Amino acid sequence: MASTIFKEFVFEAAHKLPNVPEGHKCGRLHGHSYRFTVEIEGSIDSFTGFIIDFADIKAIITPIVNQLDHYYLNDIVGLENPTCENLSKWLFFKISLLLPTLKKVTVYETCTAGATYGI
């Protein structure tokens, strides 16, 4: 039976949504204090008691966070239309290349709104 662990990350970034109707507030340049959670599924190692060490997860994901933190998301390849949905998908594919046991990524754009992408 598989278990699931999660780890949360934060970053600050600006964006605007290019495909919203004229006058939509998200079409203007603005920023968010983003928070995202990664969920990793696997078997618990009988010796370590871990699926994976949280420090290893942090070491893998921090360079990806650094690509986003205090940047204009629209300038990042693959995030030209940086909706929360597209950001969660972008993060999932970037992280899954390094963590094949990744189950899902949930991005919180605000305290009450977000998107999840995963398998």
PDB file of N, CA and C in Angstrom:
ATOM      1  N   MET A   1       0.841  -1.180   0.000  1.00  0.00           N
ATOM      2  CA  MET A   1       0.000   0.000   0.000  1.00  0.00           C
ATOM      3  C   MET A   1       0.885   1.242   0.000  1.00  0.00           C
ATOM      4  N   ALA A   2       0.501   2.231  -0.783  1.00  0.00           N
ATOM      5  CA  ALA A   2       1.278   3.465  -0.889  1.00  0.00           C
ATOM      6  C   ALA A   2       0.795   4.495   0.130  1.00  0.00           C
ATOM      7  N   SER A   3       1.707   5.340   0.542  1.00  0.00           N
ATOM      8  CA  SER A   3       1.405   6.474   1.415  1.00  0.00           C
ATOM      9  C   SER A   3       1.671   7.753   0.646  1.00  0.00           C
ATOM     10  N   THR A   4       1.158   8.849   1.156  1.00  0.00           N
ATOM     11  CA  THR A   4       1.357  10.148   0.525  1.00  0.00           C
ATOM     12  C   THR A   4       1.885  11.132   1.552  1.00  0.00           C
ATOM     13  N   ILE A   5       2.888  11.912   1.138  1.00  0.00           N
ATOM     14  CA  ILE A   5       3.390  13.005   1.960  1.00  0.00           C
ATOM     15  C   ILE A   5       3.215  14.295   1.172  1.00  0.00           C
ATOM     16  N   PHE A   6       3.323  15.424   1.865  1.00  0.00           N
ATOM     17  CA  PHE A   6       3.239  16.702   1.181  1.00  0.00           C
ATOM     18  C   PHE A   6       4.235  17.673   1.771  1.00  0.00           C
ATOM     19  N   LYS A   7       4.614  18.652   0.952  1.00  0.00           N
ATOM     20  CA  LYS A   7       5.481  19.739   1.397  1.00  0.00           C
ATOM     21  C   LYS A   7       5.003  21.001   0.709  1.00  0.00           C
ATOM     22  N   GLU A   8       5.071  22.105   1.450  1.00  0.00           N
ATOM     23  CA  GLU A   8       4.563  23.375   0.946  1.00  0.00           C
ATOM     24  C   GLU A   8       5.716  24.333   0.652  1.00  0.00           C
ATOM     25  N   PHE A   9       5.510  25.153  -0.383  1.00  0.00           N
ATOM     26  CA  PHE A   9       6.489  26.149  -0.800  1.00  0.00           C
ATOM     27  C   PHE A   9       5.766  27.468  -1.046  1.00  0.00           C
ATOM     28  N   VAL A  10       6.494  28.577  -0.973  1.00  0.00           N
ATOM     29  CA  VAL A  10       5.910  29.894  -1.218  1.00  0.00           C
ATOM     30  C   VAL A  10       6.818  30.705  -2.136  1.00  0.00           C
ATOM     31  N   PHE A  11       6.199  31.611  -2.882  1.00  0.00           N
ATOM     32  CA  PHE A  11       6.953  32.574  -3.676  1.00  0.00           C
ATOM     33  C   PHE A  11       6.057  33.767  -3.983  1.00  0.00           C
ATOM     34  N   GLU A  12       6.684  34.865  -4.310  1.00  0.00           N
ATOM     35  CA  GLU A  12       5.998  36.100  -4.690  1.00  0.00           C
ATOM     36  C   GLU A  12       6.254  36.321  -6.173  1.00  0.00           C
ATOM     37  N   ALA A  13       5.211  36.686  -6.912  1.00  0.00           N
ATOM     38  CA  ALA A  13       5.392  36.935  -8.343  1.00  0.00           C
ATOM     39  C   ALA A  13       4.290  37.842  -8.866  1.00  0.00           C
ATOM     40  N   ALA A  14       4.602  38.504  -9.981  1.00  0.00           N
ATOM     41  CA  ALA A  14       3.635  39.354 -10.671  1.00  0.00           C
ATOM     42  C   ALA A  14       3.198  38.668 -11.954  1.00  0.00           C
ATOM     43  N   HIS A  15       2.009  39.035 -12.410  1.00  0.00           N
ATOM     44  CA  HIS A  15       1.517  38.531 -13.687  1.00  0.00           C
ATOM     45  C   HIS A  15       0.323  39.360 -14.129  1.00  0.00           C
ATOM     46  N   LYS A  16      -0.091  39.119 -15.342  1.00  0.00           N
ATOM     47  CA  LYS A  16      -1.379  39.593 -15.827  1.00  0.00           C
ATOM     48  C   LYS A  16      -1.896  38.522 -16.768  1.00  0.00           C
ATOM     49  N   LEU A  17      -3.197  38.456 -16.898  1.00  0.00           N
ATOM     50  CA  LEU A  17      -3.799  37.427 -17.741  1.00  0.00           C
ATOM     51  C   LEU A  17      -4.166  38.046 -19.085  1.00  0.00           C
ATOM     52  N   PRO A  18      -3.496  37.603 -20.151  1.00  0.00           N
ATOM     53  CA  PRO A  18      -3.680  38.248 -21.454  1.00  0.00           C
ATOM     54  C   PRO A  18      -4.981  37.899 -22.162  1.00  0.00           C
ATOM     55  N   ASN A  19      -5.662  36.851 -21.748  1.00  0.00           N
ATOM     56  CA  ASN A  19      -6.822  36.375 -22.500  1.00  0.00           C
ATOM     57  C   ASN A  19      -8.162  36.618 -21.810  1.00  0.00           C
ATOM     58  N   VAL A  20      -8.172  37.497 -20.808  1.00  0.00           N
ATOM     59  CA  VAL A  20      -9.432  37.826 -20.153  1.00  0.00           C
ATOM     60  C   VAL A  20     -10.108  38.978 -20.911  1.00  0.00           C
ATOM     61  N   PRO A  21     -11.409  39.162 -20.738  1.00  0.00           N
ATOM     62  CA  PRO A  21     -12.099  40.265 -21.424  1.00  0.00           C
ATOM     63  C   PRO A  21     -11.523  41.622 -21.022  1.00  0.00           C
ATOM     64  N   GLU A  22     -11.603  42.566 -21.930  1.00  0.00           N
ATOM     65  CA  GLU A  22     -11.131  43.925 -21.654  1.00  0.00           C
ATOM     66  C   GLU A  22     -11.826  44.460 -20.401  1.00  0.00           C
ATOM     67  N   GLY A  23     -11.036  45.083 -19.542  1.00  0.00           N
ATOM     68  CA  GLY A  23     -11.572  45.633 -18.303  1.00  0.00           C
ATOM     69  C   GLY A  23     -11.542  44.674 -17.127  1.00  0.00           C
ATOM     70  N   HIS A  24     -11.265  43.389 -17.367  1.00  0.00           N
ATOM     71  CA  HIS A  24     -11.181  42.412 -16.270  1.00  0.00           C
ATOM     72  C   HIS A  24      -9.995  42.779 -15.382  1.00  0.00           C
ATOM     73  N   LYS A  25     -10.185  42.738 -14.080  1.00  0.00           N
ATOM     74  CA  LYS A  25      -9.121  43.170 -13.158  1.00  0.00           C
ATOM     75  C   LYS A  25      -7.837  42.344 -13.299  1.00  0.00           C
ATOM     76  N   CYS A  26      -7.953  41.093 -13.695  1.00  0.00           N
ATOM     77  CA  CYS A  26      -6.759  40.247 -13.832  1.00  0.00           C
ATOM     78  C   CYS A  26      -5.984  40.529 -15.117  1.00  0.00           C
ATOM     79  N   GLY A  27      -6.540  41.362 -15.980  1.00  0.00           N
ATOM     80  CA  GLY A  27      -5.821  41.782 -17.180  1.00  0.00           C
ATOM     81  C   GLY A  27      -4.804  42.870 -16.888  1.00  0.00           C
ATOM     82  N   ARG A  28      -4.880  43.445 -15.691  1.00  0.00           N
ATOM     83  CA  ARG A  28      -3.903  44.461 -15.272  1.00  0.00           C
ATOM     84  C   ARG A  28      -2.753  43.776 -14.533  1.00  0.00           C
ATOM     85  N   LEU A  29      -1.596  44.375 -14.600  1.00  0.00           N
ATOM     86  CA  LEU A  29      -0.430  43.867 -13.876  1.00  0.00           C
ATOM     87  C   LEU A  29      -0.726  43.879 -12.375  1.00  0.00           C
ATOM     88  N   HIS A  30      -0.495  42.734 -11.733  1.00  0.00           N
ATOM     89  CA  HIS A  30      -0.695  42.610 -10.294  1.00  0.00           C
ATOM     90  C   HIS A  30       0.149  41.447  -9.780  1.00  0.00           C
ATOM     91  N   GLY A  31       0.214  41.305  -8.480  1.00  0.00           N
ATOM     92  CA  GLY A  31       1.038  40.245  -7.901  1.00  0.00           C
ATOM     93  C   GLY A  31       0.278  39.416  -6.884  1.00  0.00           C
ATOM     94  N   HIS A  32       0.877  38.282  -6.568  1.00  0.00           N
ATOM     95  CA  HIS A  32       0.307  37.369  -5.581  1.00  0.00           C
ATOM     96  C   HIS A  32       1.413  36.834  -4.678  1.00  0.00           C
ATOM     97  N   SER A  33       1.020  36.478  -3.484  1.00  0.00           N
ATOM     98  CA  SER A  33       1.860  35.678  -2.591  1.00  0.00           C
ATOM     99  C   SER A  33       1.411  34.243  -2.804  1.00  0.00           C
ATOM    100  N   TYR A  34       2.063  33.562  -3.718  1.00  0.00           N
ATOM    101  CA  TYR A  34       1.671  32.201  -4.080  1.00  0.00           C
ATOM    102  C   TYR A  34       2.136  31.211  -3.024  1.00  0.00           C
ATOM    103  N   ARG A  35       1.366  30.167  -2.894  1.00  0.00           N
ATOM    104  CA  ARG A  35       1.728  29.035  -2.041  1.00  0.00           C
ATOM    105  C   ARG A  35       1.382  27.790  -2.842  1.00  0.00           C
ATOM    106  N   PHE A  36       2.253  26.809  -2.824  1.00  0.00           N
ATOM    107  CA  PHE A  36       1.901  25.557  -3.487  1.00  0.00           C
ATOM    108  C   PHE A  36       2.372  24.371  -2.676  1.00  0.00           C
ATOM    109  N   THR A  37       1.606  23.294  -2.809  1.00  0.00           N
ATOM    110  CA  THR A  37       1.870  22.054  -2.096  1.00  0.00           C
ATOM    111  C   THR A  37       2.137  20.966  -3.105  1.00  0.00           C
ATOM    112  N   VAL A  38       3.176  20.181  -2.852  1.00  0.00           N
ATOM    113  CA  VAL A  38       3.443  18.998  -3.672  1.00  0.00           C
ATOM    114  C   VAL A  38       3.088  17.770  -2.847  1.00  0.00           C
ATOM    115  N   GLU A  39       2.450  16.813  -3.494  1.00  0.00           N
ATOM    116  CA  GLU A  39       2.140  15.539  -2.848  1.00  0.00           C
ATOM    117  C   GLU A  39       2.900  14.442  -3.570  1.00  0.00           C
ATOM    118  N   ILE A  40       3.579  13.626  -2.789  1.00  0.00           N
ATOM    119  CA  ILE A  40       4.418  12.563  -3.315  1.00  0.00           C
ATOM    120  C   ILE A  40       3.929  11.248  -2.737  1.00  0.00           C
ATOM    121  N   GLU A  41       3.766  10.284  -3.618  1.00  0.00           N
ATOM    122  CA  GLU A  41       3.243   8.983  -3.225  1.00  0.00           C
ATOM    123  C   GLU A  41       4.342   7.940  -3.317  1.00  0.00           C
ATOM    124  N   GLY A  42       4.326   7.008  -2.401  1.00  0.00           N
ATOM    125  CA  GLY A  42       5.303   5.929  -2.450  1.00  0.00           C
ATOM    126  C   GLY A  42       5.190   5.012  -1.254  1.00  0.00           C
ATOM    127  N   SER A  43       6.095   4.085  -1.216  1.00  0.00           N
ATOM    128  CA  SER A  43       6.159   3.140  -0.103  1.00  0.00           C
ATOM    129  C   SER A  43       7.081   3.683   0.974  1.00  0.00           C
ATOM    130  N   ILE A  44       6.745   3.420   2.192  1.00  0.00           N
ATOM    131  CA  ILE A  44       7.576   3.834   3.313  1.00  0.00           C
ATOM    132  C   ILE A  44       8.754   2.875   3.431  1.00  0.00           C
ATOM    133  N   ASP A  45       9.958   3.424   3.374  1.00  0.00           N
ATOM    134  CA  ASP A  45      11.168   2.611   3.508  1.00  0.00           C
ATOM    135  C   ASP A  45      11.209   2.011   4.917  1.00  0.00           C
ATOM    136  N   SER A  46      11.429   0.716   5.003  1.00  0.00           N
ATOM    137  CA  SER A  46      11.386   0.046   6.302  1.00  0.00           C
ATOM    138  C   SER A  46      12.521   0.481   7.234  1.00  0.00           C
ATOM    139  N   PHE A  47      13.641   0.962   6.689  1.00  0.00           N
ATOM    140  CA  PHE A  47      14.757   1.388   7.521  1.00  0.00           C
ATOM    141  C   PHE A  47      14.628   2.855   7.922  1.00  0.00           C
ATOM    142  N   THR A  48      14.440   3.759   6.924  1.00  0.00           N
ATOM    143  CA  THR A  48      14.401   5.193   7.231  1.00  0.00           C
ATOM    144  C   THR A  48      13.056   5.636   7.784  1.00  0.00           C
ATOM    145  N   GLY A  49      12.001   4.921   7.411  1.00  0.00           N
ATOM    146  CA  GLY A  49      10.661   5.348   7.787  1.00  0.00           C
ATOM    147  C   GLY A  49      10.117   6.450   6.889  1.00  0.00           C
ATOM    148  N   PHE A  50      10.864   6.803   5.849  1.00  0.00           N
ATOM    149  CA  PHE A  50      10.480   7.866   4.914  1.00  0.00           C
ATOM    150  C   PHE A  50       9.994   7.289   3.593  1.00  0.00           C
ATOM    151  N   ILE A  51       9.155   8.056   2.902  1.00  0.00           N
ATOM    152  CA  ILE A  51       8.949   7.858   1.467  1.00  0.00           C
ATOM    153  C   ILE A  51      10.123   8.532   0.774  1.00  0.00           C
ATOM    154  N   ILE A  52      10.385   9.767   1.176  1.00  0.00           N
ATOM    155  CA  ILE A  52      11.544  10.551   0.765  1.00  0.00           C
ATOM    156  C   ILE A  52      11.753  11.594   1.856  1.00  0.00           C
ATOM    157  N   ASP A  53      12.977  11.933   2.117  1.00  0.00           N
ATOM    158  CA  ASP A  53      13.299  12.920   3.138  1.00  0.00           C
ATOM    159  C   ASP A  53      12.782  14.296   2.690  1.00  0.00           C
ATOM    160  N   PHE A  54      12.124  15.030   3.582  1.00  0.00           N
ATOM    161  CA  PHE A  54      11.628  16.362   3.253  1.00  0.00           C
ATOM    162  C   PHE A  54      12.764  17.287   2.798  1.00  0.00           C
ATOM    163  N   ALA A  55      13.945  17.099   3.367  1.00  0.00           N
ATOM    164  CA  ALA A  55      15.095  17.918   2.949  1.00  0.00           C
ATOM    165  C   ALA A  55      15.455  17.649   1.494  1.00  0.00           C
ATOM    166  N   ASP A  56      15.310  16.417   1.049  1.00  0.00           N
ATOM    167  CA  ASP A  56      15.581  16.086  -0.354  1.00  0.00           C
ATOM    168  C   ASP A  56      14.542  16.726  -1.270  1.00  0.00           C
ATOM    169  N   ILE A  57      13.293  16.743  -0.832  1.00  0.00           N
ATOM    170  CA  ILE A  57      12.242  17.400  -1.618  1.00  0.00           C
ATOM    171  C   ILE A  57      12.568  18.886  -1.756  1.00  0.00           C
ATOM    172  N   LYS A  58      12.938  19.508  -0.652  1.00  0.00           N
ATOM    173  CA  LYS A  58      13.274  20.935  -0.673  1.00  0.00           C
ATOM    174  C   LYS A  58      14.448  21.204  -1.609  1.00  0.00           C
ATOM    175  N   ALA A  59      15.460  20.371  -1.566  1.00  0.00           N
ATOM    176  CA  ALA A  59      16.630  20.567  -2.425  1.00  0.00           C
ATOM    177  C   ALA A  59      16.265  20.444  -3.905  1.00  0.00           C
ATOM    178  N   ILE A  60      15.334  19.571  -4.223  1.00  0.00           N
ATOM    179  CA  ILE A  60      14.912  19.370  -5.608  1.00  0.00           C
ATOM    180  C   ILE A  60      14.058  20.536  -6.101  1.00  0.00           C
ATOM    181  N   ILE A  61      13.164  21.037  -5.267  1.00  0.00           N
ATOM    182  CA  ILE A  61      12.174  22.018  -5.708  1.00  0.00           C
ATOM    183  C   ILE A  61      12.638  23.464  -5.566  1.00  0.00           C
ATOM    184  N   THR A  62      13.537  23.756  -4.665  1.00  0.00           N
ATOM    185  CA  THR A  62      13.990  25.138  -4.466  1.00  0.00           C
ATOM    186  C   THR A  62      14.493  25.800  -5.748  1.00  0.00           C
ATOM    187  N   PRO A  63      15.269  25.126  -6.607  1.00  0.00           N
ATOM    188  CA  PRO A  63      15.673  25.797  -7.848  1.00  0.00           C
ATOM    189  C   PRO A  63      14.495  26.174  -8.750  1.00  0.00           C
ATOM    190  N   ILE A  64      13.420  25.402  -8.713  1.00  0.00           N
ATOM    191  CA  ILE A  64      12.222  25.728  -9.497  1.00  0.00           C
ATOM    192  C   ILE A  64      11.534  26.946  -8.884  1.00  0.00           C
ATOM    193  N   VAL A  65      11.434  26.981  -7.570  1.00  0.00           N
ATOM    194  CA  VAL A  65      10.859  28.138  -6.883  1.00  0.00           C
ATOM    195  C   VAL A  65      11.661  29.393  -7.225  1.00  0.00           C
ATOM    196  N   ASN A  66      12.975  29.267  -7.275  1.00  0.00           N
ATOM    197  CA  ASN A  66      13.832  30.413  -7.571  1.00  0.00           C
ATOM    198  C   ASN A  66      13.615  30.954  -8.983  1.00  0.00           C
ATOM    199  N   GLN A  67      13.110  30.128  -9.894  1.00  0.00           N
ATOM    200  CA  GLN A  67      12.788  30.589 -11.246  1.00  0.00           C
ATOM    201  C   GLN A  67      11.545  31.482 -11.247  1.00  0.00           C
ATOM    202  N   LEU A  68      10.723  31.373 -10.204  1.00  0.00           N
ATOM    203  CA  LEU A  68       9.446  32.086 -10.132  1.00  0.00           C
ATOM    204  C   LEU A  68       9.464  33.268  -9.163  1.00  0.00           C
ATOM    205  N   ASP A  69      10.207  33.128  -8.074  1.00  0.00           N
ATOM    206  CA  ASP A  69      10.142  34.099  -6.985  1.00  0.00           C
ATOM    207  C   ASP A  69      10.629  35.482  -7.414  1.00  0.00           C
ATOM    208  N   HIS A  70       9.742  36.460  -7.264  1.00  0.00           N
ATOM    209  CA  HIS A  70       9.998  37.854  -7.627  1.00  0.00           C
ATOM    210  C   HIS A  70      10.272  38.042  -9.118  1.00  0.00           C
ATOM    211  N   TYR A  71       9.574  37.261  -9.932  1.00  0.00           N
ATOM    212  CA  TYR A  71       9.637  37.405 -11.386  1.00  0.00           C
ATOM    213  C   TYR A  71       8.254  37.704 -11.938  1.00  0.00           C
ATOM    214  N   TYR A  72       8.255  38.159 -13.190  1.00  0.00           N
ATOM    215  CA  TYR A  72       7.032  38.390 -13.943  1.00  0.00           C
ATOM    216  C   TYR A  72       6.721  37.090 -14.669  1.00  0.00           C
ATOM    217  N   LEU A  73       5.690  36.393 -14.227  1.00  0.00           N
ATOM    218  CA  LEU A  73       5.412  35.045 -14.720  1.00  0.00           C
ATOM    219  C   LEU A  73       5.198  34.995 -16.228  1.00  0.00           C
ATOM    220  N   ASN A  74       4.613  36.032 -16.818  1.00  0.00           N
ATOM    221  CA  ASN A  74       4.350  36.042 -18.258  1.00  0.00           C
ATOM    222  C   ASN A  74       5.620  35.911 -19.088  1.00  0.00           C
ATOM    223  N   ASP A  75       6.777  36.259 -18.526  1.00  0.00           N
ATOM    224  CA  ASP A  75       8.053  36.186 -19.243  1.00  0.00           C
ATOM    225  C   ASP A  75       8.680  34.795 -19.203  1.00  0.00           C
ATOM    226  N   ILE A  76       8.107  33.869 -18.441  1.00  0.00           N
ATOM    227  CA  ILE A  76       8.667  32.529 -18.288  1.00  0.00           C
ATOM    228  C   ILE A  76       8.076  31.614 -19.354  1.00  0.00           C
ATOM    229  N   VAL A  77       8.949  30.912 -20.069  1.00  0.00           N
ATOM    230  CA  VAL A  77       8.498  30.002 -21.132  1.00  0.00           C
ATOM    231  C   VAL A  77       7.512  28.990 -20.564  1.00  0.00           C
ATOM    232  N   GLY A  78       6.353  28.909 -21.208  1.00  0.00           N
ATOM    233  CA  GLY A  78       5.300  28.007 -20.763  1.00  0.00           C
ATOM    234  C   GLY A  78       4.275  28.669 -19.862  1.00  0.00           C
ATOM    235  N   LEU A  79       4.565  29.893 -19.420  1.00  0.00           N
ATOM    236  CA  LEU A  79       3.639  30.606 -18.537  1.00  0.00           C
ATOM    237  C   LEU A  79       3.199  31.942 -19.154  1.00  0.00           C
ATOM    238  N   GLU A  80       3.131  31.999 -20.442  1.00  0.00           N
ATOM    239  CA  GLU A  80       2.719  33.231 -21.109  1.00  0.00           C
ATOM    240  C   GLU A  80       1.287  33.621 -20.749  1.00  0.00           C
ATOM    241  N   ASN A  81       0.470  32.645 -20.402  1.00  0.00           N
ATOM    242  CA  ASN A  81      -0.890  32.872 -19.894  1.00  0.00           C
ATOM    243  C   ASN A  81      -0.942  32.242 -18.499  1.00  0.00           C
ATOM    244  N   PRO A  82      -0.382  32.952 -17.491  1.00  0.00           N
ATOM    245  CA  PRO A  82      -0.153  32.337 -16.181  1.00  0.00           C
ATOM    246  C   PRO A  82      -1.370  32.294 -15.268  1.00  0.00           C
ATOM    247  N   THR A  83      -2.400  31.596 -15.723  1.00  0.00           N
ATOM    248  CA  THR A  83      -3.530  31.343 -14.837  1.00  0.00           C
ATOM    249  C   THR A  83      -3.071  30.398 -13.736  1.00  0.00           C
ATOM    250  N   CYS A  84      -3.838  30.315 -12.696  1.00  0.00           N
ATOM    251  CA  CYS A  84      -3.511  29.386 -11.613  1.00  0.00           C
ATOM    252  C   CYS A  84      -3.492  27.949 -12.133  1.00  0.00           C
ATOM    253  N   GLU A  85      -4.432  27.638 -13.032  1.00  0.00           N
ATOM    254  CA  GLU A  85      -4.498  26.299 -13.622  1.00  0.00           C
ATOM    255  C   GLU A  85      -3.236  25.987 -14.421  1.00  0.00           C
ATOM    256  N   ASN A  86      -2.806  26.948 -15.237  1.00  0.00           N
ATOM    257  CA  ASN A  86      -1.594  26.731 -16.039  1.00  0.00           C
ATOM    258  C   ASN A  86      -0.346  26.667 -15.168  1.00  0.00           C
ATOM    259  N   LEU A  87      -0.316  27.446 -14.096  1.00  0.00           N
ATOM    260  CA  LEU A  87       0.827  27.411 -13.186  1.00  0.00           C
ATOM    261  C   LEU A  87       0.926  26.064 -12.475  1.00  0.00           C
ATOM    262  N   SER A  88      -0.202  25.512 -12.035  1.00  0.00           N
ATOM    263  CA  SER A  88      -0.147  24.202 -11.365  1.00  0.00           C
ATOM    264  C   SER A  88       0.305  23.119 -12.346  1.00  0.00           C
ATOM    265  N   LYS A  89      -0.134  23.191 -13.587  1.00  0.00           N
ATOM    266  CA  LYS A  89       0.286  22.232 -14.607  1.00  0.00           C
ATOM    267  C   LYS A  89       1.777  22.394 -14.909  1.00  0.00           C
ATOM    268  N   TRP A  90       2.258  23.626 -15.060  1.00  0.00           N
ATOM    269  CA  TRP A  90       3.670  23.909 -15.335  1.00  0.00           C
ATOM    270  C   TRP A  90       4.543  23.356 -14.206  1.00  0.00           C
ATOM    271  N   LEU A  91       4.147  23.652 -12.961  1.00  0.00           N
ATOM    272  CA  LEU A  91       4.907  23.146 -11.810  1.00  0.00           C
ATOM    273  C   LEU A  91       4.903  21.621 -11.778  1.00  0.00           C
ATOM    274  N   PHE A  92       3.754  21.010 -12.041  1.00  0.00           N
ATOM    275  CA  PHE A  92       3.673  19.555 -12.009  1.00  0.00           C
ATOM    276  C   PHE A  92       4.679  18.938 -12.989  1.00  0.00           C
ATOM    277  N   PHE A  93       4.698  19.420 -14.211  1.00  0.00           N
ATOM    278  CA  PHE A  93       5.596  18.818 -15.199  1.00  0.00           C
ATOM    279  C   PHE A  93       7.058  19.098 -14.895  1.00  0.00           C
ATOM    280  N   LYS A  94       7.386  20.301 -14.417  1.00  0.00           N
ATOM    281  CA  LYS A  94       8.773  20.613 -14.037  1.00  0.00           C
ATOM    282  C   LYS A  94       9.236  19.697 -12.893  1.00  0.00           C
ATOM    283  N   ILE A  95       8.402  19.563 -11.882  1.00  0.00           N
ATOM    284  CA  ILE A  95       8.779  18.782 -10.700  1.00  0.00           C
ATOM    285  C   ILE A  95       8.773  17.288 -11.001  1.00  0.00           C
ATOM    286  N   SER A  96       7.813  16.818 -11.789  1.00  0.00           N
ATOM    287  CA  SER A  96       7.721  15.373 -12.067  1.00  0.00           C
ATOM    288  C   SER A  96       8.930  14.846 -12.830  1.00  0.00           C
ATOM    289  N   LEU A  97       9.627  15.722 -13.547  1.00  0.00           N
ATOM    290  CA  LEU A  97      10.870  15.296 -14.212  1.00  0.00           C
ATOM    291  C   LEU A  97      11.940  14.930 -13.189  1.00  0.00           C
ATOM    292  N   LEU A  98      11.873  15.553 -12.022  1.00  0.00           N
ATOM    293  CA  LEU A  98      12.870  15.345 -10.967  1.00  0.00           C
ATOM    294  C   LEU A  98      12.373  14.423  -9.852  1.00  0.00           C
ATOM    295  N   LEU A  99      11.064  14.353  -9.693  1.00  0.00           N
ATOM    296  CA  LEU A  99      10.438  13.523  -8.665  1.00  0.00           C
ATOM    297  C   LEU A  99       9.354  12.685  -9.334  1.00  0.00           C
ATOM    298  N   PRO A 100       9.703  11.548  -9.902  1.00  0.00           N
ATOM    299  CA  PRO A 100       8.725  10.756 -10.652  1.00  0.00           C
ATOM    300  C   PRO A 100       7.548  10.239  -9.819  1.00  0.00           C
ATOM    301  N   THR A 101       7.672  10.255  -8.500  1.00  0.00           N
ATOM    302  CA  THR A 101       6.581   9.786  -7.648  1.00  0.00           C
ATOM    303  C   THR A 101       5.604  10.911  -7.284  1.00  0.00           C
ATOM    304  N   LEU A 102       5.767  12.081  -7.929  1.00  0.00           N
ATOM    305  CA  LEU A 102       4.867  13.197  -7.680  1.00  0.00           C
ATOM    306  C   LEU A 102       3.440  12.809  -8.042  1.00  0.00           C
ATOM    307  N   LYS A 103       2.522  13.083  -7.143  1.00  0.00           N
ATOM    308  CA  LYS A 103       1.114  12.746  -7.356  1.00  0.00           C
ATOM    309  C   LYS A 103       0.309  13.951  -7.832  1.00  0.00           C
ATOM    310  N   LYS A 104       0.519  15.102  -7.171  1.00  0.00           N
ATOM    311  CA  LYS A 104      -0.190  16.303  -7.586  1.00  0.00           C
ATOM    312  C   LYS A 104       0.459  17.544  -7.012  1.00  0.00           C
ATOM    313  N   VAL A 105       0.126  18.669  -7.639  1.00  0.00           N
ATOM    314  CA  VAL A 105       0.567  19.988  -7.191  1.00  0.00           C
ATOM    315  C   VAL A 105      -0.687  20.842  -7.033  1.00  0.00           C
ATOM    316  N   THR A 106      -0.814  21.487  -5.885  1.00  0.00           N
ATOM    317  CA  THR A 106      -1.912  22.414  -5.646  1.00  0.00           C
ATOM    318  C   THR A 106      -1.321  23.799  -5.433  1.00  0.00           C
ATOM    319  N   VAL A 107      -1.781  24.755  -6.243  1.00  0.00           N
ATOM    320  CA  VAL A 107      -1.318  26.140  -6.161  1.00  0.00           C
ATOM    321  C   VAL A 107      -2.430  26.979  -5.559  1.00  0.00           C
ATOM    322  N   TYR A 108      -2.072  27.782  -4.565  1.00  0.00           N
ATOM    323  CA  TYR A 108      -2.993  28.735  -3.951  1.00  0.00           C
ATOM    324  C   TYR A 108      -2.585  30.125  -4.421  1.00  0.00           C
ATOM    325  N   GLU A 109      -3.452  30.746  -5.214  1.00  0.00           N
ATOM    326  CA  GLU A 109      -3.181  32.087  -5.721  1.00  0.00           C
ATOM    327  C   GLU A 109      -3.571  33.131  -4.678  1.00  0.00           C
ATOM    328  N   THR A 110      -4.597  32.816  -3.921  1.00  0.00           N
ATOM    329  CA  THR A 110      -5.032  33.640  -2.797  1.00  0.00           C
ATOM    330  C   THR A 110      -5.316  32.689  -1.638  1.00  0.00           C
ATOM    331  N   CYS A 111      -5.745  33.231  -0.536  1.00  0.00           N
ATOM    332  CA  CYS A 111      -6.074  32.386   0.626  1.00  0.00           C
ATOM    333  C   CYS A 111      -7.250  31.462   0.348  1.00  0.00           C
ATOM    334  N   THR A 112      -8.100  31.839  -0.610  1.00  0.00           N
ATOM    335  CA  THR A 112      -9.339  31.098  -0.821  1.00  0.00           C
ATOM    336  C   THR A 112      -9.506  30.528  -2.225  1.00  0.00           C
ATOM    337  N   ALA A 113      -8.484  30.655  -3.086  1.00  0.00           N
ATOM    338  CA  ALA A 113      -8.637  30.192  -4.457  1.00  0.00           C
ATOM    339  C   ALA A 113      -7.350  29.535  -4.957  1.00  0.00           C
ATOM    340  N   GLY A 114      -7.514  28.475  -5.718  1.00  0.00           N
ATOM    341  CA  GLY A 114      -6.344  27.775  -6.252  1.00  0.00           C
ATOM    342  C   GLY A 114      -6.730  26.748  -7.290  1.00  0.00           C
ATOM    343  N   ALA A 115      -5.724  25.959  -7.682  1.00  0.00           N
ATOM    344  CA  ALA A 115      -5.929  24.928  -8.685  1.00  0.00           C
ATOM    345  C   ALA A 115      -5.011  23.760  -8.384  1.00  0.00           C
ATOM    346  N   THR A 116      -5.471  22.559  -8.756  1.00  0.00           N
ATOM    347  CA  THR A 116      -4.698  21.337  -8.570  1.00  0.00           C
ATOM    348  C   THR A 116      -4.495  20.670  -9.905  1.00  0.00           C
ATOM    349  N   TYR A 117      -3.269  20.174 -10.127  1.00  0.00           N
ATOM    350  CA  TYR A 117      -2.983  19.386 -11.327  1.00  0.00           C
ATOM    351  C   TYR A 117      -2.235  18.154 -10.872  1.00  0.00           C
ATOM    352  N   GLY A 118      -2.603  17.007 -11.409  1.00  0.00           N
ATOM    353  CA  GLY A 118      -1.904  15.774 -11.057  1.00  0.00           C
ATOM    354  C   GLY A 118      -2.518  14.559 -11.699  1.00  0.00           C
ATOM    355  N   ILE A 119      -1.978  13.442 -11.274  1.00  0.00           N
ATOM    356  CA  ILE A 119      -2.437  12.164 -11.821  1.00  0.00           C
ATOM    357  C   ILE A 119      -3.448  11.523 -10.893  1.00  0.00           C
TER     358      ILE A 119
END
